[in-house]
Amino acid sequence: MSELPLEEVPAASDAVHQAADGRVIHITEGGQRIAAIVPESVLRSLQAAEDAEDAAEADAAFDEPGEDIPWEQVKAEL
């Protein structure tokens, strides 16, 4: 992800402030939505959901049957 200081996007500052107040602002081009400015809380929620999904997949992988592969072998194969 990248960051852009608000003072560098004066034309969008109202939209940014609306997002900070909890609104999702859609950026359009030719009438089509191409991006969005979202509240930081929405981004944190999405990241937390992704982390939870990753953790669930890791737990499932640990529960798979079969032999464990030693780390040294894995490193050697990479």
N, C-alpha and C. Protein backbone atom coordinates (compact mmCIF):
# COMPACT_ATOMS: atom_id res chain seq x y z
N MET A 1 0.84 -1.17 0.00
CA MET A 1 0.00 0.00 0.00
C MET A 1 0.88 1.24 0.00
N SER A 2 0.32 2.29 -0.46
CA SER A 2 1.06 3.54 -0.44
C SER A 2 0.27 4.58 0.33
N GLU A 3 0.98 5.60 0.75
CA GLU A 3 0.36 6.69 1.48
C GLU A 3 0.58 7.98 0.73
N LEU A 4 -0.37 8.88 0.85
CA LEU A 4 -0.27 10.18 0.21
C LEU A 4 -0.77 11.22 1.21
N PRO A 5 0.10 12.14 1.63
CA PRO A 5 -0.33 13.16 2.59
C PRO A 5 -1.51 13.96 2.05
N LEU A 6 -2.47 14.24 2.91
CA LEU A 6 -3.69 14.93 2.51
C LEU A 6 -3.40 16.26 1.82
N GLU A 7 -2.38 16.97 2.27
CA GLU A 7 -2.07 18.26 1.66
C GLU A 7 -1.65 18.13 0.20
N GLU A 8 -1.29 16.92 -0.23
CA GLU A 8 -0.91 16.71 -1.62
C GLU A 8 -2.11 16.37 -2.51
N VAL A 9 -3.30 16.23 -1.92
CA VAL A 9 -4.50 15.94 -2.70
C VAL A 9 -5.63 16.89 -2.31
N PRO A 10 -5.42 18.18 -2.49
CA PRO A 10 -6.44 19.14 -2.04
C PRO A 10 -7.80 18.95 -2.71
N ALA A 11 -7.83 18.53 -3.95
CA ALA A 11 -9.12 18.36 -4.63
C ALA A 11 -9.93 17.23 -4.01
N ALA A 12 -9.28 16.31 -3.34
CA ALA A 12 -9.98 15.17 -2.76
C ALA A 12 -10.18 15.32 -1.25
N SER A 13 -9.76 16.44 -0.67
CA SER A 13 -9.78 16.55 0.78
C SER A 13 -11.18 16.41 1.36
N ASP A 14 -12.21 16.92 0.69
CA ASP A 14 -13.57 16.76 1.20
C ASP A 14 -13.97 15.29 1.22
N ALA A 15 -13.62 14.57 0.16
CA ALA A 15 -13.92 13.14 0.11
C ALA A 15 -13.18 12.39 1.22
N VAL A 16 -11.95 12.79 1.48
CA VAL A 16 -11.17 12.14 2.52
C VAL A 16 -11.82 12.38 3.88
N HIS A 17 -12.24 13.59 4.12
CA HIS A 17 -12.89 13.90 5.40
C HIS A 17 -14.22 13.16 5.53
N GLN A 18 -14.95 13.00 4.44
CA GLN A 18 -16.18 12.21 4.49
C GLN A 18 -15.87 10.76 4.84
N ALA A 19 -14.81 10.22 4.27
CA ALA A 19 -14.41 8.85 4.58
C ALA A 19 -14.01 8.74 6.05
N ALA A 20 -13.30 9.74 6.54
CA ALA A 20 -12.90 9.73 7.95
C ALA A 20 -14.13 9.74 8.87
N ASP A 21 -15.23 10.29 8.36
CA ASP A 21 -16.49 10.30 9.13
C ASP A 21 -17.30 9.03 8.94
N GLY A 22 -16.75 8.06 8.20
CA GLY A 22 -17.40 6.76 8.08
C GLY A 22 -18.04 6.46 6.74
N ARG A 23 -17.95 7.36 5.79
CA ARG A 23 -18.56 7.12 4.47
C ARG A 23 -17.56 6.50 3.53
N VAL A 24 -18.06 5.69 2.61
CA VAL A 24 -17.24 5.14 1.53
C VAL A 24 -17.46 6.04 0.32
N ILE A 25 -16.37 6.54 -0.25
CA ILE A 25 -16.44 7.44 -1.39
C ILE A 25 -15.93 6.70 -2.62
N HIS A 26 -16.75 6.57 -3.63
CA HIS A 26 -16.35 5.89 -4.86
C HIS A 26 -15.78 6.90 -5.85
N ILE A 27 -14.66 6.56 -6.44
CA ILE A 27 -14.04 7.37 -7.49
C ILE A 27 -14.49 6.77 -8.82
N THR A 28 -14.99 7.62 -9.70
CA THR A 28 -15.49 7.12 -10.98
C THR A 28 -14.74 7.75 -12.14
N GLU A 29 -14.75 7.02 -13.23
CA GLU A 29 -14.19 7.51 -14.50
C GLU A 29 -15.12 7.01 -15.59
N GLY A 30 -15.63 7.92 -16.36
CA GLY A 30 -16.57 7.54 -17.42
C GLY A 30 -17.81 6.86 -16.88
N GLY A 31 -18.20 7.22 -15.66
CA GLY A 31 -19.39 6.63 -15.06
C GLY A 31 -19.16 5.28 -14.40
N GLN A 32 -17.96 4.77 -14.47
CA GLN A 32 -17.63 3.47 -13.88
C GLN A 32 -16.83 3.66 -12.60
N ARG A 33 -17.14 2.89 -11.56
CA ARG A 33 -16.38 2.94 -10.32
C ARG A 33 -15.01 2.29 -10.57
N ILE A 34 -13.96 3.03 -10.22
CA ILE A 34 -12.61 2.49 -10.45
C ILE A 34 -11.79 2.39 -9.16
N ALA A 35 -12.23 3.06 -8.12
CA ALA A 35 -11.51 3.03 -6.84
C ALA A 35 -12.45 3.55 -5.76
N ALA A 36 -11.98 3.46 -4.52
CA ALA A 36 -12.78 3.97 -3.42
C ALA A 36 -11.87 4.51 -2.33
N ILE A 37 -12.39 5.51 -1.66
CA ILE A 37 -11.75 6.01 -0.44
C ILE A 37 -12.61 5.47 0.69
N VAL A 38 -12.01 4.70 1.56
CA VAL A 38 -12.77 4.06 2.63
C VAL A 38 -12.23 4.50 3.99
N PRO A 39 -13.07 4.44 5.00
CA PRO A 39 -12.60 4.75 6.35
C PRO A 39 -11.51 3.74 6.76
N GLU A 40 -10.57 4.20 7.54
CA GLU A 40 -9.50 3.32 8.02
C GLU A 40 -10.06 2.10 8.74
N SER A 41 -11.18 2.27 9.44
CA SER A 41 -11.78 1.14 10.17
C SER A 41 -12.21 0.03 9.21
N VAL A 42 -12.67 0.39 8.02
CA VAL A 42 -13.07 -0.61 7.03
C VAL A 42 -11.83 -1.38 6.57
N LEU A 43 -10.76 -0.67 6.31
CA LEU A 43 -9.52 -1.33 5.90
C LEU A 43 -9.01 -2.27 6.99
N ARG A 44 -9.04 -1.82 8.24
CA ARG A 44 -8.59 -2.68 9.35
C ARG A 44 -9.45 -3.92 9.44
N SER A 45 -10.75 -3.78 9.24
CA SER A 45 -11.65 -4.94 9.29
C SER A 45 -11.34 -5.93 8.17
N LEU A 46 -11.09 -5.42 6.97
CA LEU A 46 -10.74 -6.30 5.85
C LEU A 46 -9.43 -7.02 6.13
N GLN A 47 -8.45 -6.31 6.67
CA GLN A 47 -7.16 -6.93 6.99
C GLN A 47 -7.33 -7.99 8.07
N ALA A 48 -8.14 -7.72 9.08
CA ALA A 48 -8.38 -8.69 10.14
C ALA A 48 -9.06 -9.94 9.58
N ALA A 49 -10.02 -9.76 8.68
CA ALA A 49 -10.70 -10.91 8.07
C ALA A 49 -9.72 -11.74 7.25
N GLU A 50 -8.84 -11.06 6.53
CA GLU A 50 -7.83 -11.77 5.74
C GLU A 50 -6.87 -12.54 6.64
N ASP A 51 -6.45 -11.92 7.74
CA ASP A 51 -5.57 -12.59 8.69
C ASP A 51 -6.24 -13.82 9.30
N ALA A 52 -7.53 -13.70 9.63
CA ALA A 52 -8.27 -14.83 10.20
C ALA A 52 -8.38 -15.96 9.19
N GLU A 53 -8.61 -15.62 7.93
CA GLU A 53 -8.68 -16.65 6.88
C GLU A 53 -7.33 -17.35 6.73
N ASP A 54 -6.25 -16.57 6.74
CA ASP A 54 -4.91 -17.16 6.64
C ASP A 54 -4.64 -18.10 7.82
N ALA A 55 -5.03 -17.68 9.01
CA ALA A 55 -4.81 -18.51 10.20
C ALA A 55 -5.62 -19.81 10.12
N ALA A 56 -6.86 -19.72 9.63
CA ALA A 56 -7.69 -20.91 9.49
C ALA A 56 -7.08 -21.88 8.47
N GLU A 57 -6.54 -21.33 7.38
CA GLU A 57 -5.90 -22.19 6.38
C GLU A 57 -4.64 -22.85 6.95
N ALA A 58 -3.89 -22.11 7.76
CA ALA A 58 -2.69 -22.69 8.38
C ALA A 58 -3.08 -23.79 9.35
N ASP A 59 -4.12 -23.56 10.15
CA ASP A 59 -4.59 -24.60 11.07
C ASP A 59 -5.03 -25.84 10.33
N ALA A 60 -5.73 -25.66 9.22
CA ALA A 60 -6.18 -26.80 8.42
C ALA A 60 -4.99 -27.55 7.86
N ALA A 61 -3.96 -26.83 7.44
CA ALA A 61 -2.77 -27.48 6.89
C ALA A 61 -2.06 -28.31 7.96
N PHE A 62 -2.02 -27.80 9.19
CA PHE A 62 -1.39 -28.56 10.28
C PHE A 62 -2.16 -29.83 10.57
N ASP A 63 -3.47 -29.83 10.34
CA ASP A 63 -4.30 -30.99 10.63
C ASP A 63 -4.30 -32.02 9.51
N GLU A 64 -3.68 -31.71 8.36
CA GLU A 64 -3.66 -32.65 7.25
C GLU A 64 -2.83 -33.88 7.63
N PRO A 65 -3.30 -35.04 7.18
CA PRO A 65 -2.53 -36.25 7.47
C PRO A 65 -1.25 -36.30 6.64
N GLY A 66 -0.33 -37.10 7.09
CA GLY A 66 0.92 -37.27 6.35
C GLY A 66 2.13 -36.97 7.22
N GLU A 67 3.28 -37.26 6.65
CA GLU A 67 4.52 -37.05 7.37
C GLU A 67 4.90 -35.57 7.41
N ASP A 68 5.50 -35.18 8.51
CA ASP A 68 6.06 -33.84 8.58
C ASP A 68 7.33 -33.79 7.75
N ILE A 69 7.58 -32.67 7.13
CA ILE A 69 8.79 -32.49 6.34
C ILE A 69 9.73 -31.59 7.13
N PRO A 70 10.92 -32.05 7.42
CA PRO A 70 11.86 -31.23 8.19
C PRO A 70 12.19 -29.92 7.47
N TRP A 71 12.33 -28.84 8.24
CA TRP A 71 12.62 -27.52 7.70
C TRP A 71 13.88 -27.54 6.85
N GLU A 72 14.89 -28.23 7.26
CA GLU A 72 16.14 -28.30 6.51
C GLU A 72 15.90 -28.85 5.09
N GLN A 73 15.01 -29.83 4.97
CA GLN A 73 14.69 -30.40 3.67
C GLN A 73 13.94 -29.36 2.81
N VAL A 74 13.03 -28.67 3.41
CA VAL A 74 12.26 -27.66 2.68
C VAL A 74 13.21 -26.59 2.15
N LYS A 75 14.13 -26.10 3.01
CA LYS A 75 15.09 -25.08 2.58
C LYS A 75 15.97 -25.59 1.46
N ALA A 76 16.38 -26.84 1.55
CA ALA A 76 17.24 -27.41 0.52
C ALA A 76 16.53 -27.49 -0.82
N GLU A 77 15.23 -27.75 -0.80
CA GLU A 77 14.47 -27.87 -2.03
C GLU A 77 14.14 -26.52 -2.66
N LEU A 78 14.24 -25.47 -1.88
CA LEU A 78 13.97 -24.15 -2.41
C LEU A 78 15.19 -23.65 -3.13
